[in-house]
Amino acid sequence: MAAKLIRILCFGIFLAGVPGIIVTSIVSNNNGGIVTIGMCMVGAAIVLITMSATNGNKRLDAFDEVAAERVENRVRALVEAGANENDVRALIRDTIDLTRGQQ
């Protein structure tokens, strides 16, 4: 939640900064105001880059060949015993979603 709020805040700073620089340069020839707005945008960019570098990397699940082969053998055994293969595979998908917290 906080990461989303920071991203929205940085986007708001970028969105307000560009017209702010344009208006400040047209209305008054004040270089200090233009530099201040630009530095605020740079600060927001640094915060966004830092947050993305520390927060945005999710590790992929490691694929275990042995465990996958074991599951496939159990599916095959259930299907040979008379279970519907589509139902068994749907059950496995639902179990994976449940353990990952997607439901």
C-alpha atoms as a PDB file:
ATOM      1  CA  MET A   1       0.000   0.000   0.000  1.00  0.00           C
ATOM      2  CA  ALA A   2       2.775   2.433   0.895  1.00  0.00           C
ATOM      3  CA  ALA A   3       4.690   1.644  -2.288  1.00  0.00           C
ATOM      4  CA  LYS A   4       1.635   2.434  -4.384  1.00  0.00           C
ATOM      5  CA  LEU A   5       1.134   5.712  -2.531  1.00  0.00           C
ATOM      6  CA  ILE A   6       4.771   6.692  -3.113  1.00  0.00           C
ATOM      7  CA  ARG A   7       4.458   5.898  -6.836  1.00  0.00           C
ATOM      8  CA  ILE A   8       1.310   8.013  -7.104  1.00  0.00           C
ATOM      9  CA  LEU A   9       2.974  10.867  -5.226  1.00  0.00           C
ATOM     10  CA  CYS A  10       6.038  10.757  -7.511  1.00  0.00           C
ATOM     11  CA  PHE A  11       3.794  10.692 -10.568  1.00  0.00           C
ATOM     12  CA  GLY A  12       1.945  13.735  -9.197  1.00  0.00           C
ATOM     13  CA  ILE A  13       5.235  15.578  -8.724  1.00  0.00           C
ATOM     14  CA  PHE A  14       6.263  14.769 -12.311  1.00  0.00           C
ATOM     15  CA  LEU A  15       2.833  15.757 -13.607  1.00  0.00           C
ATOM     16  CA  ALA A  16       2.888  19.100 -11.789  1.00  0.00           C
ATOM     17  CA  GLY A  17       6.584  19.753 -12.393  1.00  0.00           C
ATOM     18  CA  VAL A  18       6.611  19.949 -16.172  1.00  0.00           C
ATOM     19  CA  PRO A  19       3.885  22.612 -16.448  1.00  0.00           C
ATOM     20  CA  GLY A  20       5.406  24.315 -13.407  1.00  0.00           C
ATOM     21  CA  ILE A  21       8.719  24.710 -15.205  1.00  0.00           C
ATOM     22  CA  ILE A  22       6.997  25.960 -18.352  1.00  0.00           C
ATOM     23  CA  VAL A  23       4.770  28.455 -16.540  1.00  0.00           C
ATOM     24  CA  THR A  24       7.590  29.715 -14.327  1.00  0.00           C
ATOM     25  CA  SER A  25       9.849  30.279 -17.317  1.00  0.00           C
ATOM     26  CA  ILE A  26       7.099  32.183 -19.188  1.00  0.00           C
ATOM     27  CA  VAL A  27       5.667  34.281 -16.351  1.00  0.00           C
ATOM     28  CA  SER A  28       8.876  35.302 -14.650  1.00  0.00           C
ATOM     29  CA  ASN A  29      12.404  34.865 -15.740  1.00  0.00           C
ATOM     30  CA  ASN A  30      13.273  33.516 -12.294  1.00  0.00           C
ATOM     31  CA  ASN A  31      15.928  30.841 -12.669  1.00  0.00           C
ATOM     32  CA  GLY A  32      15.715  29.950  -8.981  1.00  0.00           C
ATOM     33  CA  GLY A  33      12.072  28.886  -9.283  1.00  0.00           C
ATOM     34  CA  ILE A  34      12.760  26.811 -12.356  1.00  0.00           C
ATOM     35  CA  VAL A  35      15.733  25.088 -10.727  1.00  0.00           C
ATOM     36  CA  THR A  36      13.728  24.446  -7.544  1.00  0.00           C
ATOM     37  CA  ILE A  37      10.919  22.751  -9.461  1.00  0.00           C
ATOM     38  CA  GLY A  38      13.447  20.756 -11.456  1.00  0.00           C
ATOM     39  CA  MET A  39      15.234  19.622  -8.295  1.00  0.00           C
ATOM     40  CA  CYS A  40      11.914  18.497  -6.792  1.00  0.00           C
ATOM     41  CA  MET A  41      11.349  16.389  -9.912  1.00  0.00           C
ATOM     42  CA  VAL A  42      14.871  14.961  -9.630  1.00  0.00           C
ATOM     43  CA  GLY A  43      14.233  14.088  -5.988  1.00  0.00           C
ATOM     44  CA  ALA A  44      11.006  12.316  -6.915  1.00  0.00           C
ATOM     45  CA  ALA A  45      12.851  10.401  -9.646  1.00  0.00           C
ATOM     46  CA  ILE A  46      15.553   9.304  -7.185  1.00  0.00           C
ATOM     47  CA  VAL A  47      12.928   8.168  -4.675  1.00  0.00           C
ATOM     48  CA  LEU A  48      11.074   6.240  -7.381  1.00  0.00           C
ATOM     49  CA  ILE A  49      14.240   4.567  -8.687  1.00  0.00           C
ATOM     50  CA  THR A  50      15.393   3.650  -5.173  1.00  0.00           C
ATOM     51  CA  MET A  51      12.002   2.271  -4.220  1.00  0.00           C
ATOM     52  CA  SER A  52      11.752   0.237  -7.419  1.00  0.00           C
ATOM     53  CA  ALA A  53      15.249  -1.165  -6.955  1.00  0.00           C
ATOM     54  CA  THR A  54      14.606  -2.271  -3.386  1.00  0.00           C
ATOM     55  CA  ASN A  55      10.949  -3.255  -3.627  1.00  0.00           C
ATOM     56  CA  GLY A  56      10.123  -4.431  -7.121  1.00  0.00           C
ATOM     57  CA  ASN A  57      12.066  -7.668  -7.438  1.00  0.00           C
ATOM     58  CA  LYS A  58      10.042 -10.772  -6.765  1.00  0.00           C
ATOM     59  CA  ARG A  59      11.899 -14.021  -6.952  1.00  0.00           C
ATOM     60  CA  LEU A  60      10.555 -16.613  -9.305  1.00  0.00           C
ATOM     61  CA  ASP A  61       9.617 -19.959  -7.878  1.00  0.00           C
ATOM     62  CA  ALA A  62      12.284 -22.550  -8.519  1.00  0.00           C
ATOM     63  CA  PHE A  63      11.049 -25.350 -10.709  1.00  0.00           C
ATOM     64  CA  ASP A  64      11.837 -28.708  -9.187  1.00  0.00           C
ATOM     65  CA  GLU A  65      12.000 -31.389 -11.883  1.00  0.00           C
ATOM     66  CA  VAL A  66      11.796 -34.261  -9.414  1.00  0.00           C
ATOM     67  CA  ALA A  67       8.714 -32.898  -7.673  1.00  0.00           C
ATOM     68  CA  ALA A  68       7.059 -32.123 -11.019  1.00  0.00           C
ATOM     69  CA  GLU A  69       7.668 -35.673 -12.221  1.00  0.00           C
ATOM     70  CA  ARG A  70       6.270 -37.033  -8.947  1.00  0.00           C
ATOM     71  CA  VAL A  71       3.085 -34.965  -9.352  1.00  0.00           C
ATOM     72  CA  GLU A  72       2.736 -36.005 -12.984  1.00  0.00           C
ATOM     73  CA  ASN A  73       3.038 -39.692 -11.990  1.00  0.00           C
ATOM     74  CA  ARG A  74       0.330 -39.240  -9.352  1.00  0.00           C
ATOM     75  CA  VAL A  75      -1.943 -37.524 -11.897  1.00  0.00           C
ATOM     76  CA  ARG A  76      -1.372 -40.371 -14.319  1.00  0.00           C
ATOM     77  CA  ALA A  77      -2.183 -42.917 -11.578  1.00  0.00           C
ATOM     78  CA  LEU A  78      -5.416 -41.111 -10.697  1.00  0.00           C
ATOM     79  CA  VAL A  79      -6.457 -40.924 -14.344  1.00  0.00           C
ATOM     80  CA  GLU A  80      -5.722 -44.628 -14.812  1.00  0.00           C
ATOM     81  CA  ALA A  81      -7.831 -45.323 -11.724  1.00  0.00           C
ATOM     82  CA  GLY A  82     -10.783 -43.607 -13.434  1.00  0.00           C
ATOM     83  CA  ALA A  83     -10.573 -39.940 -12.436  1.00  0.00           C
ATOM     84  CA  ASN A  84     -11.251 -37.249 -15.018  1.00  0.00           C
ATOM     85  CA  GLU A  85      -7.886 -35.782 -16.078  1.00  0.00           C
ATOM     86  CA  ASN A  86      -9.253 -32.248 -16.553  1.00  0.00           C
ATOM     87  CA  ASP A  87     -10.749 -32.279 -13.055  1.00  0.00           C
ATOM     88  CA  VAL A  88      -7.493 -33.504 -11.522  1.00  0.00           C
ATOM     89  CA  ARG A  89      -5.439 -30.834 -13.317  1.00  0.00           C
ATOM     90  CA  ALA A  90      -7.971 -28.136 -12.319  1.00  0.00           C
ATOM     91  CA  LEU A  91      -7.649 -29.290  -8.711  1.00  0.00           C
ATOM     92  CA  ILE A  92      -3.866 -28.979  -8.927  1.00  0.00           C
ATOM     93  CA  ARG A  93      -4.144 -25.456 -10.428  1.00  0.00           C
ATOM     94  CA  ASP A  94      -6.529 -24.407  -7.650  1.00  0.00           C
ATOM     95  CA  THR A  95      -4.161 -25.809  -5.040  1.00  0.00           C
ATOM     96  CA  ILE A  96      -1.234 -23.876  -6.501  1.00  0.00           C
ATOM     97  CA  ASP A  97      -3.288 -20.656  -6.547  1.00  0.00           C
ATOM     98  CA  LEU A  98      -4.356 -21.242  -2.971  1.00  0.00           C
ATOM     99  CA  THR A  99      -0.813 -21.800  -1.718  1.00  0.00           C
ATOM    100  CA  ARG A 100       0.422 -18.681  -3.533  1.00  0.00           C
ATOM    101  CA  GLY A 101      -2.355 -16.639  -1.957  1.00  0.00           C
ATOM    102  CA  GLN A 102      -4.097 -15.647  -5.170  1.00  0.00           C
ATOM    103  CA  GLN A 103      -7.582 -16.547  -3.977  1.00  0.00           C
END
